[in-house]
Amino acid sequence: MATDAHVTVVANNADDWWIHGLKVCPDLDTVMYTLGDGIDLERGWGRRAETWSAKEELAAYGVEPTWFGLGDRDIATHLVRTQMLEAGYPLSQVTQALCRRWLEPAYGDRLTLLPMTDDRVETHIAVADADSPSGKRVVHFQEYWVRLRAEVPAEQVVFVGLDQTTPAPGVVEAIAGADLVVLPPSNPVVSVGTILGVPGIREAIRATPARVVGLSPIVGASHVRGMAEQMLNSIGVEVSAAGVGLNYGARSAGGVLDGWLVDERDADQVARLEAAGIAAAAVPLMMTDHEATAAMAAAAIELVG
């Protein structure tokens, strides 16, 4: 990071949940561990050099859910978070306190991690259930992702409490004062979509003097990892690089994008985006290493000037 640059990361916290009495914030923790060099790179989540004794002991007691495991080192983060929340601190202040360990030693005050909101909001997924009178049942996002492995179709995505939230302190200010706003290649429905769903955030992005550029999570007609395809199908959006970009829309037409990067193998979709008023370019979009990721960031800056 350049010595005079300041980066603010606004993370989705709509897939948070309570388990074994602890508040778990998967997206916030993944960003924090990754930037703090504590992430398990092979799994892509959780702590490096993790052990699982607590998970094994809970299973021995027959305590459910056994399909969602908290690592022994990771539990410390959730204990600190839960204690601070129960003492009355909002999630944004709790996150700031946790980041003093993970981010300040390397970045000082040049990197800020914020939850999208301090309010409680949850993502639930409706799936088919032949035994239910309605033919459906609703499960928490974590159950859909971890236990069901997103292998069953998502009938509907339900955001509980999202429309009643407000942006966390600092979120709107960071957007308004930015030189560049980047929408990452995260899930456009249950990650970026929930952030944009917080009342006031989409409006702040539309109003910011900064240019807004996004990177496609769809490469060659499929998501790279995760469940973007299932989520896009649930809201009726075309599963393609152009489909996601057009769903976000051009700022000139009431959307949020000035520019949109697609992968080289989706170069034939650039014209559709440009016709809709979105500057577009095709570049390599696979985060194979730090150099490739840095090149993606540079391409995003170059696209919107």
C-alpha atoms as a PDB file:
ATOM      1  CA  MET A   1       0.000   0.000   0.000  1.00  0.00           C
ATOM      2  CA  ALA A   2       1.310   3.463  -0.880  1.00  0.00           C
ATOM      3  CA  THR A   3       2.420   5.404   2.185  1.00  0.00           C
ATOM      4  CA  ASP A   4      -0.077   8.197   1.510  1.00  0.00           C
ATOM      5  CA  ALA A   5      -3.026   5.939   0.634  1.00  0.00           C
ATOM      6  CA  HIS A   6      -5.926   5.149   2.925  1.00  0.00           C
ATOM      7  CA  VAL A   7      -8.176   2.185   2.220  1.00  0.00           C
ATOM      8  CA  THR A   8     -11.543   1.570   3.860  1.00  0.00           C
ATOM      9  CA  VAL A   9     -13.106  -1.878   3.499  1.00  0.00           C
ATOM     10  CA  VAL A  10     -16.846  -2.134   4.104  1.00  0.00           C
ATOM     11  CA  ALA A  11     -17.740  -5.752   4.807  1.00  0.00           C
ATOM     12  CA  ASN A  12     -21.026  -7.605   4.699  1.00  0.00           C
ATOM     13  CA  ASN A  13     -22.261  -8.711   8.094  1.00  0.00           C
ATOM     14  CA  ALA A  14     -25.646 -10.095   7.049  1.00  0.00           C
ATOM     15  CA  ASP A  15     -24.340 -13.682   7.169  1.00  0.00           C
ATOM     16  CA  ASP A  16     -23.321 -13.329  10.829  1.00  0.00           C
ATOM     17  CA  TRP A  17     -24.892 -15.683  13.311  1.00  0.00           C
ATOM     18  CA  TRP A  18     -24.841 -16.836  16.898  1.00  0.00           C
ATOM     19  CA  ILE A  19     -23.492 -20.303  17.637  1.00  0.00           C
ATOM     20  CA  HIS A  20     -22.718 -21.842  21.038  1.00  0.00           C
ATOM     21  CA  GLY A  21     -23.445 -18.447  22.567  1.00  0.00           C
ATOM     22  CA  LEU A  22     -20.838 -16.680  20.430  1.00  0.00           C
ATOM     23  CA  LYS A  23     -21.288 -13.989  17.784  1.00  0.00           C
ATOM     24  CA  VAL A  24     -19.533 -15.092  14.601  1.00  0.00           C
ATOM     25  CA  CYS A  25     -18.907 -12.613  11.754  1.00  0.00           C
ATOM     26  CA  PRO A  26     -17.443 -14.695   8.908  1.00  0.00           C
ATOM     27  CA  ASP A  27     -16.882 -11.933   6.349  1.00  0.00           C
ATOM     28  CA  LEU A  28     -15.409  -9.438   8.805  1.00  0.00           C
ATOM     29  CA  ASP A  29     -13.097 -12.102  10.209  1.00  0.00           C
ATOM     30  CA  THR A  30     -11.983 -13.348   6.800  1.00  0.00           C
ATOM     31  CA  VAL A  31     -11.026  -9.825   5.719  1.00  0.00           C
ATOM     32  CA  MET A  32      -9.333  -9.132   9.046  1.00  0.00           C
ATOM     33  CA  TYR A  33      -7.343 -12.384   9.095  1.00  0.00           C
ATOM     34  CA  THR A  34      -6.388 -12.045   5.428  1.00  0.00           C
ATOM     35  CA  LEU A  35      -5.100  -8.483   5.709  1.00  0.00           C
ATOM     36  CA  GLY A  36      -3.470  -9.318   9.036  1.00  0.00           C
ATOM     37  CA  ASP A  37      -1.671 -12.369   7.565  1.00  0.00           C
ATOM     38  CA  GLY A  38      -3.405 -14.850   9.836  1.00  0.00           C
ATOM     39  CA  ILE A  39      -5.731 -16.544   7.348  1.00  0.00           C
ATOM     40  CA  ASP A  40      -5.536 -20.214   6.429  1.00  0.00           C
ATOM     41  CA  LEU A  41      -4.737 -19.836   2.743  1.00  0.00           C
ATOM     42  CA  GLU A  42      -5.680 -23.404   1.808  1.00  0.00           C
ATOM     43  CA  ARG A  43      -9.193 -23.216   3.277  1.00  0.00           C
ATOM     44  CA  GLY A  44      -9.638 -19.533   2.496  1.00  0.00           C
ATOM     45  CA  TRP A  45     -11.180 -18.890   5.915  1.00  0.00           C
ATOM     46  CA  GLY A  46     -10.307 -19.276   9.589  1.00  0.00           C
ATOM     47  CA  ARG A  47      -6.953 -19.147  11.301  1.00  0.00           C
ATOM     48  CA  ARG A  48      -3.709 -20.629  10.089  1.00  0.00           C
ATOM     49  CA  ALA A  49      -2.302 -23.556  12.115  1.00  0.00           C
ATOM     50  CA  GLU A  50      -5.751 -24.116  13.615  1.00  0.00           C
ATOM     51  CA  THR A  51      -6.743 -26.963  15.925  1.00  0.00           C
ATOM     52  CA  TRP A  52     -10.243 -28.304  16.570  1.00  0.00           C
ATOM     53  CA  SER A  53     -10.334 -29.698  20.108  1.00  0.00           C
ATOM     54  CA  ALA A  54     -13.350 -27.621  21.207  1.00  0.00           C
ATOM     55  CA  LYS A  55     -15.322 -28.736  18.142  1.00  0.00           C
ATOM     56  CA  GLU A  56     -14.508 -32.371  18.876  1.00  0.00           C
ATOM     57  CA  GLU A  57     -15.499 -32.025  22.538  1.00  0.00           C
ATOM     58  CA  LEU A  58     -18.811 -30.370  21.670  1.00  0.00           C
ATOM     59  CA  ALA A  59     -19.554 -33.202  19.243  1.00  0.00           C
ATOM     60  CA  ALA A  60     -18.721 -35.741  21.956  1.00  0.00           C
ATOM     61  CA  TYR A  61     -21.367 -34.090  24.138  1.00  0.00           C
ATOM     62  CA  GLY A  62     -23.811 -34.302  21.250  1.00  0.00           C
ATOM     63  CA  VAL A  63     -24.160 -30.545  21.012  1.00  0.00           C
ATOM     64  CA  GLU A  64     -25.520 -29.333  17.682  1.00  0.00           C
ATOM     65  CA  PRO A  65     -24.777 -28.052  15.162  1.00  0.00           C
ATOM     66  CA  THR A  66     -21.884 -30.397  14.570  1.00  0.00           C
ATOM     67  CA  TRP A  67     -21.642 -29.344  10.910  1.00  0.00           C
ATOM     68  CA  PHE A  68     -20.343 -25.884  11.776  1.00  0.00           C
ATOM     69  CA  GLY A  69     -16.991 -25.930  13.534  1.00  0.00           C
ATOM     70  CA  LEU A  70     -15.173 -23.166  15.382  1.00  0.00           C
ATOM     71  CA  GLY A  71     -11.429 -23.567  15.525  1.00  0.00           C
ATOM     72  CA  ASP A  72      -9.686 -23.243  18.884  1.00  0.00           C
ATOM     73  CA  ARG A  73      -7.739 -20.127  17.883  1.00  0.00           C
ATOM     74  CA  ASP A  74     -10.716 -18.603  16.097  1.00  0.00           C
ATOM     75  CA  ILE A  75     -12.866 -18.978  19.224  1.00  0.00           C
ATOM     76  CA  ALA A  76     -10.774 -16.317  20.958  1.00  0.00           C
ATOM     77  CA  THR A  77     -11.902 -13.718  18.416  1.00  0.00           C
ATOM     78  CA  HIS A  78     -15.560 -14.651  18.920  1.00  0.00           C
ATOM     79  CA  LEU A  79     -15.208 -14.591  22.711  1.00  0.00           C
ATOM     80  CA  VAL A  80     -13.768 -11.071  22.651  1.00  0.00           C
ATOM     81  CA  ARG A  81     -16.436  -9.892  20.205  1.00  0.00           C
ATOM     82  CA  THR A  82     -19.283 -11.421  22.212  1.00  0.00           C
ATOM     83  CA  GLN A  83     -18.056  -9.984  25.505  1.00  0.00           C
ATOM     84  CA  MET A  84     -17.782  -6.500  24.024  1.00  0.00           C
ATOM     85  CA  LEU A  85     -21.198  -6.688  22.361  1.00  0.00           C
ATOM     86  CA  GLU A  86     -22.795  -7.834  25.602  1.00  0.00           C
ATOM     87  CA  ALA A  87     -21.071  -4.928  27.368  1.00  0.00           C
ATOM     88  CA  GLY A  88     -22.899  -2.573  25.008  1.00  0.00           C
ATOM     89  CA  TYR A  89     -20.299  -1.729  22.389  1.00  0.00           C
ATOM     90  CA  PRO A  90     -21.596  -1.549  18.782  1.00  0.00           C
ATOM     91  CA  LEU A  91     -20.149  -3.931  16.212  1.00  0.00           C
ATOM     92  CA  SER A  92     -18.162  -1.157  14.494  1.00  0.00           C
ATOM     93  CA  GLN A  93     -16.298  -0.350  17.714  1.00  0.00           C
ATOM     94  CA  VAL A  94     -15.778  -4.045  18.434  1.00  0.00           C
ATOM     95  CA  THR A  95     -14.309  -4.501  14.952  1.00  0.00           C
ATOM     96  CA  GLN A  96     -12.015  -1.530  15.492  1.00  0.00           C
ATOM     97  CA  ALA A  97     -10.770  -3.077  18.746  1.00  0.00           C
ATOM     98  CA  LEU A  98     -10.095  -6.447  17.094  1.00  0.00           C
ATOM     99  CA  CYS A  99      -8.268  -4.745  14.223  1.00  0.00           C
ATOM    100  CA  ARG A 100      -5.811  -3.126  16.629  1.00  0.00           C
ATOM    101  CA  ARG A 101      -4.200  -6.532  16.830  1.00  0.00           C
ATOM    102  CA  TRP A 102      -4.507  -7.537  13.203  1.00  0.00           C
ATOM    103  CA  LEU A 103      -4.227  -4.397  11.094  1.00  0.00           C
ATOM    104  CA  GLU A 104      -2.585  -1.563  13.034  1.00  0.00           C
ATOM    105  CA  PRO A 105       0.889  -3.151  13.323  1.00  0.00           C
ATOM    106  CA  ALA A 106       1.259  -3.311   9.528  1.00  0.00           C
ATOM    107  CA  TYR A 107      -0.941  -0.462   8.304  1.00  0.00           C
ATOM    108  CA  GLY A 108      -1.331   2.015  11.154  1.00  0.00           C
ATOM    109  CA  ASP A 109      -4.348   4.197  10.443  1.00  0.00           C
ATOM    110  CA  ARG A 110      -4.122   3.707   6.672  1.00  0.00           C
ATOM    111  CA  LEU A 111      -6.480   0.715   6.583  1.00  0.00           C
ATOM    112  CA  THR A 112      -9.946   0.689   8.150  1.00  0.00           C
ATOM    113  CA  LEU A 113     -12.335  -2.257   8.309  1.00  0.00           C
ATOM    114  CA  LEU A 114     -16.011  -1.446   8.894  1.00  0.00           C
ATOM    115  CA  PRO A 115     -19.150  -3.580   9.091  1.00  0.00           C
ATOM    116  CA  MET A 116     -21.851  -2.322   6.753  1.00  0.00           C
ATOM    117  CA  THR A 117     -24.140  -1.733   9.737  1.00  0.00           C
ATOM    118  CA  ASP A 118     -24.182  -1.991  13.517  1.00  0.00           C
ATOM    119  CA  ASP A 119     -27.731  -3.327  13.372  1.00  0.00           C
ATOM    120  CA  ARG A 120     -28.605  -6.997  13.469  1.00  0.00           C
ATOM    121  CA  VAL A 121     -29.496  -8.393  10.064  1.00  0.00           C
ATOM    122  CA  GLU A 122     -29.559 -12.011   8.887  1.00  0.00           C
ATOM    123  CA  THR A 123     -29.617 -13.760   5.536  1.00  0.00           C
ATOM    124  CA  HIS A 124     -31.905 -16.763   5.154  1.00  0.00           C
ATOM    125  CA  ILE A 125     -32.415 -19.029   2.170  1.00  0.00           C
ATOM    126  CA  ALA A 126     -35.678 -20.723   1.222  1.00  0.00           C
ATOM    127  CA  VAL A 127     -35.206 -24.229  -0.186  1.00  0.00           C
ATOM    128  CA  ALA A 128     -37.653 -26.850  -1.395  1.00  0.00           C
ATOM    129  CA  ASP A 129     -39.042 -29.190   1.276  1.00  0.00           C
ATOM    130  CA  ALA A 130     -41.605 -31.806   0.265  1.00  0.00           C
ATOM    131  CA  ASP A 131     -42.529 -32.429   3.919  1.00  0.00           C
ATOM    132  CA  SER A 132     -43.494 -28.799   4.554  1.00  0.00           C
ATOM    133  CA  PRO A 133     -47.102 -27.648   3.925  1.00  0.00           C
ATOM    134  CA  SER A 134     -45.741 -24.722   1.914  1.00  0.00           C
ATOM    135  CA  GLY A 135     -43.329 -26.912  -0.014  1.00  0.00           C
ATOM    136  CA  LYS A 136     -40.449 -24.826   1.297  1.00  0.00           C
ATOM    137  CA  ARG A 137     -38.388 -24.344   4.404  1.00  0.00           C
ATOM    138  CA  VAL A 138     -36.130 -21.476   5.349  1.00  0.00           C
ATOM    139  CA  VAL A 139     -32.604 -22.039   6.644  1.00  0.00           C
ATOM    140  CA  HIS A 140     -29.953 -19.624   7.834  1.00  0.00           C
ATOM    141  CA  PHE A 141     -27.392 -18.708   5.204  1.00  0.00           C
ATOM    142  CA  GLN A 142     -24.683 -20.600   7.101  1.00  0.00           C
ATOM    143  CA  GLU A 143     -26.712 -23.795   7.036  1.00  0.00           C
ATOM    144  CA  TYR A 144     -27.286 -23.404   3.301  1.00  0.00           C
ATOM    145  CA  TRP A 145     -23.601 -22.745   2.646  1.00  0.00           C
ATOM    146  CA  VAL A 146     -21.896 -25.070   5.155  1.00  0.00           C
ATOM    147  CA  ARG A 147     -24.286 -27.971   5.795  1.00  0.00           C
ATOM    148  CA  LEU A 148     -26.086 -28.068   2.441  1.00  0.00           C
ATOM    149  CA  ARG A 149     -22.980 -26.862   0.561  1.00  0.00           C
ATOM    150  CA  ALA A 150     -25.257 -24.769  -1.669  1.00  0.00           C
ATOM    151  CA  GLU A 151     -26.011 -27.966  -3.583  1.00  0.00           C
ATOM    152  CA  VAL A 152     -29.783 -27.500  -3.565  1.00  0.00           C
ATOM    153  CA  PRO A 153     -31.498 -24.721  -5.524  1.00  0.00           C
ATOM    154  CA  ALA A 154     -32.180 -21.512  -3.641  1.00  0.00           C
ATOM    155  CA  GLU A 155     -35.879 -20.741  -4.029  1.00  0.00           C
ATOM    156  CA  GLN A 156     -35.612 -17.296  -2.436  1.00  0.00           C
ATOM    157  CA  VAL A 157     -33.163 -15.136  -0.508  1.00  0.00           C
ATOM    158  CA  VAL A 158     -34.658 -13.501   2.580  1.00  0.00           C
ATOM    159  CA  PHE A 159     -32.883 -10.617   4.315  1.00  0.00           C
ATOM    160  CA  VAL A 160     -34.276 -10.275   7.814  1.00  0.00           C
ATOM    161  CA  GLY A 161     -34.105  -6.712   9.121  1.00  0.00           C
ATOM    162  CA  LEU A 162     -32.057  -5.303   6.234  1.00  0.00           C
ATOM    163  CA  ASP A 163     -34.557  -2.591   5.331  1.00  0.00           C
ATOM    164  CA  GLN A 164     -34.519  -1.329   8.927  1.00  0.00           C
ATOM    165  CA  THR A 165     -30.747  -0.908   9.206  1.00  0.00           C
ATOM    166  CA  THR A 166     -28.594   2.193   8.999  1.00  0.00           C
ATOM    167  CA  PRO A 167     -24.982   2.371   7.788  1.00  0.00           C
ATOM    168  CA  ALA A 168     -22.336   1.899  10.457  1.00  0.00           C
ATOM    169  CA  PRO A 169     -20.495   5.067  11.520  1.00  0.00           C
ATOM    170  CA  GLY A 170     -17.897   5.984   8.917  1.00  0.00           C
ATOM    171  CA  VAL A 171     -19.367   4.043   5.988  1.00  0.00           C
ATOM    172  CA  VAL A 172     -21.175   6.872   4.195  1.00  0.00           C
ATOM    173  CA  GLU A 173     -18.352   9.282   5.019  1.00  0.00           C
ATOM    174  CA  ALA A 174     -15.778   6.927   3.499  1.00  0.00           C
ATOM    175  CA  ILE A 175     -17.809   6.615   0.295  1.00  0.00           C
ATOM    176  CA  ALA A 176     -18.406  10.364   0.044  1.00  0.00           C
ATOM    177  CA  GLY A 177     -14.730  11.180   0.584  1.00  0.00           C
ATOM    178  CA  ALA A 178     -13.217   8.442  -1.584  1.00  0.00           C
ATOM    179  CA  ASP A 179     -11.084   8.930  -4.665  1.00  0.00           C
ATOM    180  CA  LEU A 180     -12.216   5.530  -5.979  1.00  0.00           C
ATOM    181  CA  VAL A 181     -14.931   3.071  -4.970  1.00  0.00           C
ATOM    182  CA  VAL A 182     -14.396  -0.587  -5.902  1.00  0.00           C
ATOM    183  CA  LEU A 183     -17.064  -3.288  -5.874  1.00  0.00           C
ATOM    184  CA  PRO A 184     -15.092  -6.523  -5.423  1.00  0.00           C
ATOM    185  CA  PRO A 185     -15.771  -9.795  -7.254  1.00  0.00           C
ATOM    186  CA  SER A 186     -17.781 -11.038  -4.274  1.00  0.00           C
ATOM    187  CA  ASN A 187     -21.227 -12.599  -4.373  1.00  0.00           C
ATOM    188  CA  PRO A 188     -23.469  -9.973  -5.994  1.00  0.00           C
ATOM    189  CA  VAL A 189     -26.538 -11.055  -4.015  1.00  0.00           C
ATOM    190  CA  VAL A 190     -25.500 -12.079  -0.495  1.00  0.00           C
ATOM    191  CA  SER A 191     -22.297 -10.040  -0.141  1.00  0.00           C
ATOM    192  CA  VAL A 192     -22.195  -6.898  -2.278  1.00  0.00           C
ATOM    193  CA  GLY A 193     -25.969  -7.012  -2.644  1.00  0.00           C
ATOM    194  CA  THR A 194     -26.582  -6.860   1.098  1.00  0.00           C
ATOM    195  CA  ILE A 195     -24.200  -3.936   1.510  1.00  0.00           C
ATOM    196  CA  LEU A 196     -26.039  -2.057  -1.237  1.00  0.00           C
ATOM    197  CA  GLY A 197     -29.290  -3.012   0.500  1.00  0.00           C
ATOM    198  CA  VAL A 198     -28.502  -1.026   3.642  1.00  0.00           C
ATOM    199  CA  PRO A 199     -30.619   2.127   3.294  1.00  0.00           C
ATOM    200  CA  GLY A 200     -28.308   5.021   2.457  1.00  0.00           C
ATOM    201  CA  ILE A 201     -25.343   3.101   1.058  1.00  0.00           C
ATOM    202  CA  ARG A 202     -26.572   2.755  -2.527  1.00  0.00           C
ATOM    203  CA  GLU A 203     -27.537   6.420  -2.437  1.00  0.00           C
ATOM    204  CA  ALA A 204     -24.084   7.371  -1.151  1.00  0.00           C
ATOM    205  CA  ILE A 205     -22.431   5.465  -3.991  1.00  0.00           C
ATOM    206  CA  ARG A 206     -24.645   7.168  -6.558  1.00  0.00           C
ATOM    207  CA  ALA A 207     -23.799  10.581  -5.077  1.00  0.00           C
ATOM    208  CA  THR A 208     -20.052  10.214  -4.479  1.00  0.00           C
ATOM    209  CA  PRO A 209     -17.759  12.318  -6.682  1.00  0.00           C
ATOM    210  CA  ALA A 210     -15.454   9.298  -6.876  1.00  0.00           C
ATOM    211  CA  ARG A 211     -15.547   6.937  -9.820  1.00  0.00           C
ATOM    212  CA  VAL A 212     -17.108   3.536  -9.105  1.00  0.00           C
ATOM    213  CA  VAL A 213     -15.714   0.396 -10.704  1.00  0.00           C
ATOM    214  CA  GLY A 214     -16.543  -3.256 -10.167  1.00  0.00           C
ATOM    215  CA  LEU A 215     -14.938  -6.601 -10.971  1.00  0.00           C
ATOM    216  CA  SER A 216     -16.999  -9.504 -12.238  1.00  0.00           C
ATOM    217  CA  PRO A 217     -17.414 -12.573  -9.995  1.00  0.00           C
ATOM    218  CA  ILE A 218     -18.497 -14.556 -13.063  1.00  0.00           C
ATOM    219  CA  VAL A 219     -15.726 -15.866 -15.304  1.00  0.00           C
ATOM    220  CA  GLY A 220     -16.560 -17.889 -18.388  1.00  0.00           C
ATOM    221  CA  ALA A 221     -20.263 -18.225 -17.513  1.00  0.00           C
ATOM    222  CA  SER A 222     -19.695 -19.557 -13.985  1.00  0.00           C
ATOM    223  CA  HIS A 223     -18.638 -18.366 -10.578  1.00  0.00           C
ATOM    224  CA  VAL A 224     -15.028 -18.994  -9.649  1.00  0.00           C
ATOM    225  CA  ARG A 225     -15.930 -20.229  -6.183  1.00  0.00           C
ATOM    226  CA  GLY A 226     -18.830 -19.860  -3.810  1.00  0.00           C
ATOM    227  CA  MET A 227     -22.476 -19.768  -4.849  1.00  0.00           C
ATOM    228  CA  ALA A 228     -22.979 -16.729  -7.067  1.00  0.00           C
ATOM    229  CA  GLU A 229     -24.696 -18.858  -9.697  1.00  0.00           C
ATOM    230  CA  GLN A 230     -27.288 -20.202  -7.248  1.00  0.00           C
ATOM    231  CA  MET A 231     -27.986 -16.750  -5.814  1.00  0.00           C
ATOM    232  CA  LEU A 232     -28.286 -15.064  -9.215  1.00  0.00           C
ATOM    233  CA  ASN A 233     -30.715 -17.751 -10.351  1.00  0.00           C
ATOM    234  CA  SER A 234     -32.820 -17.098  -7.233  1.00  0.00           C
ATOM    235  CA  ILE A 235     -33.337 -13.445  -8.213  1.00  0.00           C
ATOM    236  CA  GLY A 236     -33.649 -14.048 -11.948  1.00  0.00           C
ATOM    237  CA  VAL A 237     -30.398 -12.394 -13.029  1.00  0.00           C
ATOM    238  CA  GLU A 238     -28.437 -13.767 -15.985  1.00  0.00           C
ATOM    239  CA  VAL A 239     -25.376 -15.726 -14.819  1.00  0.00           C
ATOM    240  CA  SER A 240     -22.753 -13.933 -16.863  1.00  0.00           C
ATOM    241  CA  ALA A 241     -20.198 -11.185 -16.442  1.00  0.00           C
ATOM    242  CA  ALA A 242     -22.411  -8.788 -18.361  1.00  0.00           C
ATOM    243  CA  GLY A 243     -25.525  -9.944 -16.504  1.00  0.00           C
ATOM    244  CA  VAL A 244     -24.064  -9.000 -13.130  1.00  0.00           C
ATOM    245  CA  GLY A 245     -22.734  -5.692 -14.381  1.00  0.00           C
ATOM    246  CA  LEU A 246     -26.072  -4.780 -15.940  1.00  0.00           C
ATOM    247  CA  ASN A 247     -27.846  -5.776 -12.725  1.00  0.00           C
ATOM    248  CA  TYR A 248     -25.735  -3.249 -10.801  1.00  0.00           C
ATOM    249  CA  GLY A 249     -26.452  -0.765 -13.578  1.00  0.00           C
ATOM    250  CA  ALA A 250     -24.783   2.381 -14.860  1.00  0.00           C
ATOM    251  CA  ARG A 251     -24.686   5.392 -12.549  1.00  0.00           C
ATOM    252  CA  SER A 252     -25.782   7.499 -15.498  1.00  0.00           C
ATOM    253  CA  ALA A 253     -29.012   5.475 -15.553  1.00  0.00           C
ATOM    254  CA  GLY A 254     -29.685   5.198 -11.812  1.00  0.00           C
ATOM    255  CA  GLY A 255     -27.341   2.288 -11.076  1.00  0.00           C
ATOM    256  CA  VAL A 256     -24.029   2.295  -9.223  1.00  0.00           C
ATOM    257  CA  LEU A 257     -21.311   1.594 -11.813  1.00  0.00           C
ATOM    258  CA  ASP A 258     -19.056   3.801 -13.897  1.00  0.00           C
ATOM    259  CA  GLY A 259     -16.868   0.874 -14.969  1.00  0.00           C
ATOM    260  CA  TRP A 260     -16.898  -2.931 -14.961  1.00  0.00           C
ATOM    261  CA  LEU A 261     -14.053  -5.357 -15.540  1.00  0.00           C
ATOM    262  CA  VAL A 262     -14.697  -8.762 -17.086  1.00  0.00           C
ATOM    263  CA  ASP A 263     -12.281 -11.609 -17.604  1.00  0.00           C
ATOM    264  CA  GLU A 264     -10.497 -12.026 -20.930  1.00  0.00           C
ATOM    265  CA  ARG A 265     -12.604 -15.060 -21.788  1.00  0.00           C
ATOM    266  CA  ASP A 266     -15.711 -12.847 -21.512  1.00  0.00           C
ATOM    267  CA  ALA A 267     -14.396 -10.134 -23.841  1.00  0.00           C
ATOM    268  CA  ASP A 268     -17.367 -10.622 -26.164  1.00  0.00           C
ATOM    269  CA  GLN A 269     -19.616  -9.130 -23.453  1.00  0.00           C
ATOM    270  CA  VAL A 270     -17.854  -5.755 -23.290  1.00  0.00           C
ATOM    271  CA  ALA A 271     -20.037  -4.241 -26.012  1.00  0.00           C
ATOM    272  CA  ARG A 272     -23.260  -5.003 -24.077  1.00  0.00           C
ATOM    273  CA  LEU A 273     -21.940  -3.172 -21.051  1.00  0.00           C
ATOM    274  CA  GLU A 274     -20.722  -0.192 -23.028  1.00  0.00           C
ATOM    275  CA  ALA A 275     -24.095   0.059 -24.758  1.00  0.00           C
ATOM    276  CA  ALA A 276     -25.681   0.388 -21.301  1.00  0.00           C
ATOM    277  CA  GLY A 277     -23.391   3.274 -20.365  1.00  0.00           C
ATOM    278  CA  ILE A 278     -20.805   1.295 -18.375  1.00  0.00           C
ATOM    279  CA  ALA A 279     -17.131   1.581 -19.327  1.00  0.00           C
ATOM    280  CA  ALA A 280     -15.817  -1.966 -19.666  1.00  0.00           C
ATOM    281  CA  ALA A 281     -12.625  -3.857 -20.365  1.00  0.00           C
ATOM    282  CA  ALA A 282     -11.519  -7.493 -20.463  1.00  0.00           C
ATOM    283  CA  VAL A 283      -8.471  -8.363 -18.348  1.00  0.00           C
ATOM    284  CA  PRO A 284      -7.246 -11.423 -16.401  1.00  0.00           C
ATOM    285  CA  LEU A 285      -9.471 -11.705 -13.318  1.00  0.00           C
ATOM    286  CA  MET A 286      -8.092 -14.748 -11.520  1.00  0.00           C
ATOM    287  CA  MET A 287      -6.414 -13.965  -8.174  1.00  0.00           C
ATOM    288  CA  THR A 288      -3.678 -16.534  -8.590  1.00  0.00           C
ATOM    289  CA  ASP A 289      -1.106 -14.580  -6.565  1.00  0.00           C
ATOM    290  CA  HIS A 290      -0.422 -11.119  -5.149  1.00  0.00           C
ATOM    291  CA  GLU A 291       0.953  -9.847  -8.446  1.00  0.00           C
ATOM    292  CA  ALA A 292      -2.155 -10.916 -10.358  1.00  0.00           C
ATOM    293  CA  THR A 293      -4.393  -9.320  -7.734  1.00  0.00           C
ATOM    294  CA  ALA A 294      -2.390  -6.078  -7.874  1.00  0.00           C
ATOM    295  CA  ALA A 295      -2.715  -6.083 -11.651  1.00  0.00           C
ATOM    296  CA  MET A 296      -6.497  -6.375 -11.308  1.00  0.00           C
ATOM    297  CA  ALA A 297      -6.559  -3.364  -8.995  1.00  0.00           C
ATOM    298  CA  ALA A 298      -4.398  -1.391 -11.415  1.00  0.00           C
ATOM    299  CA  ALA A 299      -6.728  -2.306 -14.288  1.00  0.00           C
ATOM    300  CA  ALA A 300      -9.715  -1.071 -12.292  1.00  0.00           C
ATOM    301  CA  ILE A 301      -8.031   2.277 -11.690  1.00  0.00           C
ATOM    302  CA  GLU A 302      -7.009   2.563 -15.315  1.00  0.00           C
ATOM    303  CA  LEU A 303     -10.500   1.768 -16.571  1.00  0.00           C
ATOM    304  CA  VAL A 304     -12.135   4.712 -14.824  1.00  0.00           C
ATOM    305  CA  GLY A 305      -9.150   7.038 -14.943  1.00  0.00           C
END
